[in-house]
Amino acid sequence: MKWRILLELTETTGSVQTREMVTGDRPTNVISPASIGLSLAESKSILAAMQTQLVRAQTDGYCDHRRKCSHCGSRRAIKDWRTRQLTTLFGVVQVEAPSLQCMPLWGCLASNCQPAG
C-alpha cells in the first residue's frame, strides 16, 4: 500500500495551495508491530515538515500584509531578504523574510521595518 500526506493551505483571498508533505509505503501481506502505522521517527519527520510549511506560509502572509503602508496604503519597497530563525513549540524553523524600506514621510520606526523576526 502506498500513501501520501498533503497539506492544503487556503489564503484569505480564497486561493488554495496544495503541498505534498511526505510519501510512503507499507506492506499489506505481513503485519507486525514494526510495519503497522507510522514509526516514531516517521511521525516526528512528518510533524517537522508540516510545522516548517505552516510557519513559512504564515510568515509569507504576514510579510505580505506588512508591506502595505498603514498610513497611505502603498506597498513598501523591499531593502533585502534575510534568513530568520523562528522558535516554535516543535523546534526552530528558518524562513526567508524581507527587510522593508521605511516610508520617510511618516518616519517609520526601525522595528516596523522588520516584519518577521
Protein backbone atom coordinates (compact mmCIF):
# COMPACT_ATOMS: atom_id res chain seq x y z
CA MET A 1 0.00 0.00 0.00
CA LYS A 2 1.33 3.42 -0.96
CA TRP A 3 0.28 6.60 0.83
CA ARG A 4 0.96 10.33 0.82
CA ILE A 5 0.14 13.23 3.09
CA LEU A 6 -0.89 16.56 1.56
CA LEU A 7 -1.13 19.95 3.21
CA GLU A 8 -3.78 22.26 1.78
CA LEU A 9 -3.38 25.96 2.51
CA THR A 10 -6.27 28.33 1.78
CA GLU A 11 -5.39 32.03 1.72
CA THR A 12 -7.81 34.70 2.95
CA THR A 13 -8.28 35.56 -0.73
CA GLY A 14 -9.60 32.05 -1.35
CA SER A 15 -6.63 30.81 -3.36
CA VAL A 16 -5.64 27.25 -2.49
CA GLN A 17 -2.16 25.74 -2.47
CA THR A 18 -1.58 22.03 -2.04
CA ARG A 19 1.81 20.79 -0.95
CA GLU A 20 2.89 17.19 -0.74
CA MET A 21 4.40 16.61 2.68
CA VAL A 22 5.59 13.03 2.54
CA THR A 23 5.01 9.74 0.79
CA GLY A 24 5.50 6.20 1.97
CA ASP A 25 4.53 2.62 1.54
CA ARG A 26 3.66 -0.27 3.78
CA PRO A 27 3.39 -3.98 3.11
CA THR A 28 -0.09 -5.41 3.40
CA ASN A 29 0.86 -9.06 3.17
CA VAL A 30 2.69 -9.03 6.52
CA ILE A 31 1.65 -7.05 9.56
CA SER A 32 3.93 -6.72 12.54
CA PRO A 33 4.42 -4.12 15.25
CA ALA A 34 7.29 -2.67 13.22
CA SER A 35 5.33 -2.36 9.97
CA ILE A 36 1.88 -1.18 11.07
CA GLY A 37 1.19 2.53 11.09
CA LEU A 38 3.92 5.15 11.37
CA SER A 39 7.17 4.73 13.23
CA LEU A 40 8.12 7.31 15.82
CA ALA A 41 10.88 8.62 13.54
CA GLU A 42 8.46 8.94 10.60
CA SER A 43 5.88 10.77 12.70
CA LYS A 44 8.49 13.22 14.00
CA SER A 45 9.69 13.84 10.45
CA ILE A 46 6.12 14.46 9.23
CA LEU A 47 5.37 16.82 12.11
CA ALA A 48 8.59 18.77 11.48
CA ALA A 49 7.82 19.08 7.76
CA MET A 50 4.27 20.22 8.47
CA GLN A 51 5.42 22.77 11.05
CA THR A 52 8.01 24.15 8.62
CA GLN A 53 5.45 24.51 5.81
CA LEU A 54 2.86 26.15 8.10
CA VAL A 55 5.35 28.59 9.63
CA ARG A 56 6.70 29.56 6.21
CA ALA A 57 3.20 30.09 4.81
CA GLN A 58 2.19 32.18 7.82
CA THR A 59 5.39 34.23 7.58
CA ASP A 60 4.87 34.83 3.85
CA GLY A 61 1.32 36.07 4.51
CA TYR A 62 2.41 38.24 7.41
CA CYS A 63 5.27 39.81 5.46
CA ASP A 64 2.99 40.48 2.50
CA HIS A 65 0.47 42.15 4.83
CA ARG A 66 3.20 44.28 6.44
CA ARG A 67 4.33 45.59 3.04
CA LYS A 68 1.19 47.71 2.84
CA CYS A 69 1.72 51.09 4.50
CA SER A 70 -0.90 51.59 7.20
CA HIS A 71 -0.97 55.33 6.53
CA CYS A 72 -1.19 55.67 2.73
CA GLY A 73 -1.85 52.08 1.57
CA SER A 74 1.09 51.91 -0.85
CA ARG A 75 3.38 48.88 -0.90
CA ARG A 76 6.72 49.48 0.77
CA ALA A 77 9.90 48.58 -1.10
CA ILE A 78 11.99 45.62 -0.02
CA LYS A 79 15.54 46.53 1.05
CA ASP A 80 16.80 42.96 1.22
CA TRP A 81 15.94 39.40 2.23
CA ARG A 82 17.32 37.74 5.31
CA THR A 83 17.15 34.31 6.85
CA ARG A 84 15.43 34.41 10.20
CA GLN A 85 15.02 31.70 12.80
CA LEU A 86 11.63 31.41 14.45
CA THR A 87 11.36 29.27 17.56
CA THR A 88 8.16 27.22 17.68
CA LEU A 89 6.76 24.61 20.02
CA PHE A 90 8.24 21.89 17.78
CA GLY A 91 11.64 23.47 17.17
CA VAL A 92 13.34 26.19 15.18
CA VAL A 93 12.16 26.99 11.64
CA GLN A 94 14.26 29.04 9.25
CA VAL A 95 12.37 31.43 6.98
CA GLU A 96 13.33 33.98 4.36
CA ALA A 97 11.80 37.35 5.20
CA PRO A 98 12.22 40.85 3.77
CA SER A 99 13.51 43.97 5.44
CA LEU A 100 11.19 46.72 4.31
CA GLN A 101 12.09 50.22 3.25
CA CYS A 102 10.78 52.80 5.68
CA MET A 103 8.29 55.39 4.47
CA PRO A 104 10.21 58.62 5.23
CA LEU A 105 7.05 60.74 5.09
CA TRP A 106 5.66 59.00 8.17
CA GLY A 107 9.01 58.36 9.90
CA CYS A 108 8.57 54.60 10.37
CA LEU A 109 10.40 53.12 13.33
CA ALA A 110 13.11 50.57 12.57
CA SER A 111 11.14 47.84 14.38
CA ASN A 112 8.24 48.37 11.97
CA CYS A 113 10.54 47.58 9.06
CA GLN A 114 11.45 44.11 10.27
CA PRO A 115 8.27 42.09 9.68
CA ALA A 116 9.42 38.64 10.75
CA GLY A 117 11.93 38.43 13.46
